[in-house]
Amino acid sequence: MNKRGFTLISVMIAIVIMAVGVLALSKTLTGAMQATTRAGLRTVALDIARQRMEFLRGQRPQDMADFAEAGGTDVNETGLAVSGGKYRRTVVVADVRANLVSVTVRVAYPNGTTPVELITYVYTGAVT
């Protein structure tokens, strides 16, 4: 071994080790960026669902069934109904028992495996 420097083999081994490390780091960063993107889309979907649920809570309980969107509605990032929107909002109003309905708001988002879902119960009977 030359005492004044490194051999060609030792330099090549160092480069290979460094390349493996850089590839592992780039894969980790790519996964982190994808997770951040998915989290952002899910956050927007949750915001759309909350907005719709708050709108529904402000309506007359007896009229709740009029706001059902069983087939779903395409909406944009602000929750406005648009053709070809990135998000799909569904509102299901179901009778639980006399004078009680459940209201479920689901929002599917791009590349999401499970839609965001909010559920509340509304008393529809007469208030005395």
Protein backbone atom coordinates (compact mmCIF):
# COMPACT_ATOMS: atom_id res chain seq x y z
CA MET A 1 0.00 0.00 0.00
CA ASN A 2 1.21 3.43 -0.88
CA LYS A 3 1.81 5.48 2.26
CA ARG A 4 1.20 8.78 0.49
CA GLY A 5 -2.45 8.26 -0.59
CA PHE A 6 -5.39 5.98 -1.24
CA THR A 7 -5.52 3.15 -3.70
CA LEU A 8 -7.98 3.09 -6.56
CA ILE A 9 -9.89 0.18 -4.96
CA SER A 10 -10.40 2.00 -1.65
CA VAL A 11 -11.67 5.10 -3.47
CA MET A 12 -14.13 3.00 -5.52
CA ILE A 13 -15.43 1.24 -2.40
CA ALA A 14 -15.94 4.61 -0.69
CA ILE A 15 -17.87 5.90 -3.72
CA VAL A 16 -20.13 2.82 -3.77
CA ILE A 17 -20.86 3.15 -0.04
CA MET A 18 -21.63 6.82 -0.46
CA ALA A 19 -23.90 6.14 -3.48
CA VAL A 20 -25.91 3.57 -1.50
CA GLY A 21 -26.35 6.10 1.29
CA VAL A 22 -27.47 8.84 -1.10
CA LEU A 23 -29.99 6.49 -2.77
CA ALA A 24 -31.44 5.48 0.59
CA LEU A 25 -31.72 9.13 1.60
CA SER A 26 -33.44 10.08 -1.67
CA LYS A 27 -35.96 7.25 -1.28
CA THR A 28 -36.73 8.39 2.26
CA LEU A 29 -37.18 11.99 1.14
CA THR A 30 -39.47 10.92 -1.72
CA GLY A 31 -41.64 8.93 0.69
CA ALA A 32 -41.77 11.87 3.09
CA MET A 33 -42.83 14.25 0.30
CA GLN A 34 -45.58 11.86 -0.82
CA ALA A 35 -46.83 11.52 2.76
CA THR A 36 -46.88 15.30 3.11
CA THR A 37 -48.89 15.64 -0.10
CA ARG A 38 -51.41 13.00 1.02
CA ALA A 39 -51.74 14.69 4.42
CA GLY A 40 -52.42 18.03 2.73
CA LEU A 41 -55.12 16.52 0.52
CA ARG A 42 -56.70 14.79 3.53
CA THR A 43 -56.67 18.06 5.48
CA VAL A 44 -58.50 19.83 2.65
CA ALA A 45 -61.01 16.95 2.49
CA LEU A 46 -61.60 17.25 6.24
CA ASP A 47 -62.13 20.98 5.88
CA ILE A 48 -64.71 20.39 3.11
CA ALA A 49 -66.53 17.83 5.29
CA ARG A 50 -66.54 20.15 8.31
CA GLN A 51 -67.84 23.02 6.22
CA ARG A 52 -70.73 20.94 4.88
CA MET A 53 -71.55 19.54 8.33
CA GLU A 54 -71.69 23.05 9.80
CA PHE A 55 -73.99 24.12 6.95
CA LEU A 56 -76.28 21.17 7.67
CA ARG A 57 -76.34 21.89 11.40
CA GLY A 58 -77.64 25.36 10.59
CA GLN A 59 -80.66 24.02 8.70
CA ARG A 60 -84.07 23.13 10.08
CA PRO A 61 -83.90 19.57 11.42
CA GLN A 62 -87.13 18.64 9.66
CA ASP A 63 -85.56 19.56 6.28
CA MET A 64 -82.40 17.49 6.76
CA ALA A 65 -83.38 14.86 4.17
CA ASP A 66 -83.59 17.57 1.49
CA PHE A 67 -79.80 18.01 1.65
CA ALA A 68 -78.87 14.35 1.03
CA GLU A 69 -76.31 13.81 -1.75
CA ALA A 70 -76.36 10.01 -1.92
CA GLY A 71 -74.97 9.97 -5.46
CA GLY A 72 -72.19 12.35 -4.48
CA THR A 73 -71.16 15.76 -5.72
CA ASP A 74 -67.82 16.80 -7.22
CA VAL A 75 -66.43 19.78 -5.33
CA ASN A 76 -63.31 21.92 -5.49
CA GLU A 77 -60.88 22.74 -2.66
CA THR A 78 -63.30 25.26 -1.14
CA GLY A 79 -66.27 22.87 -1.15
CA LEU A 80 -68.11 24.48 -4.05
CA ALA A 81 -69.87 22.09 -6.40
CA VAL A 82 -68.02 22.03 -9.73
CA SER A 83 -67.98 19.62 -12.61
CA GLY A 84 -64.88 17.44 -12.46
CA GLY A 85 -63.80 18.63 -9.00
CA LYS A 86 -60.87 16.84 -7.33
CA TYR A 87 -62.95 15.93 -4.29
CA ARG A 88 -66.17 13.91 -4.08
CA ARG A 89 -68.62 14.82 -1.31
CA THR A 90 -71.47 12.53 -0.24
CA VAL A 91 -74.16 13.33 2.31
CA VAL A 92 -76.33 10.50 3.64
CA VAL A 93 -79.30 11.21 5.90
CA ALA A 94 -80.73 8.07 7.52
CA ASP A 95 -83.52 7.53 10.03
CA VAL A 96 -82.23 6.03 13.26
CA ARG A 97 -85.56 5.96 15.08
CA ALA A 98 -88.55 8.22 15.57
CA ASN A 99 -87.46 11.89 15.51
CA LEU A 100 -83.75 11.03 15.15
CA VAL A 101 -81.63 10.95 11.99
CA SER A 102 -77.97 10.38 11.41
CA VAL A 103 -76.17 12.69 9.01
CA THR A 104 -72.97 11.35 7.44
CA VAL A 105 -70.70 13.54 5.34
CA ARG A 106 -67.97 11.71 3.38
CA VAL A 107 -65.33 13.37 1.25
CA ALA A 108 -63.09 11.29 -1.02
CA TYR A 109 -59.83 12.91 -2.07
CA PRO A 110 -57.26 12.21 -4.80
CA ASN A 111 -55.03 9.19 -4.13
CA GLY A 112 -56.82 8.61 -0.83
CA THR A 113 -57.59 5.06 0.22
CA THR A 114 -60.19 5.94 2.85
CA PRO A 115 -62.51 8.97 2.59
CA VAL A 116 -62.87 11.46 5.41
CA GLU A 117 -66.14 10.79 7.27
CA LEU A 118 -68.03 12.91 9.79
CA ILE A 119 -71.22 11.68 11.49
CA THR A 120 -73.70 13.54 13.66
CA TYR A 121 -77.19 12.85 14.97
CA VAL A 122 -80.04 15.36 14.68
CA TYR A 123 -83.28 15.42 16.65
CA THR A 124 -86.08 16.17 14.20
CA GLY A 125 -89.03 16.21 16.58
CA ALA A 126 -90.97 19.20 17.79
CA VAL A 127 -89.29 21.48 20.30
CA THR A 128 -91.61 22.49 23.14
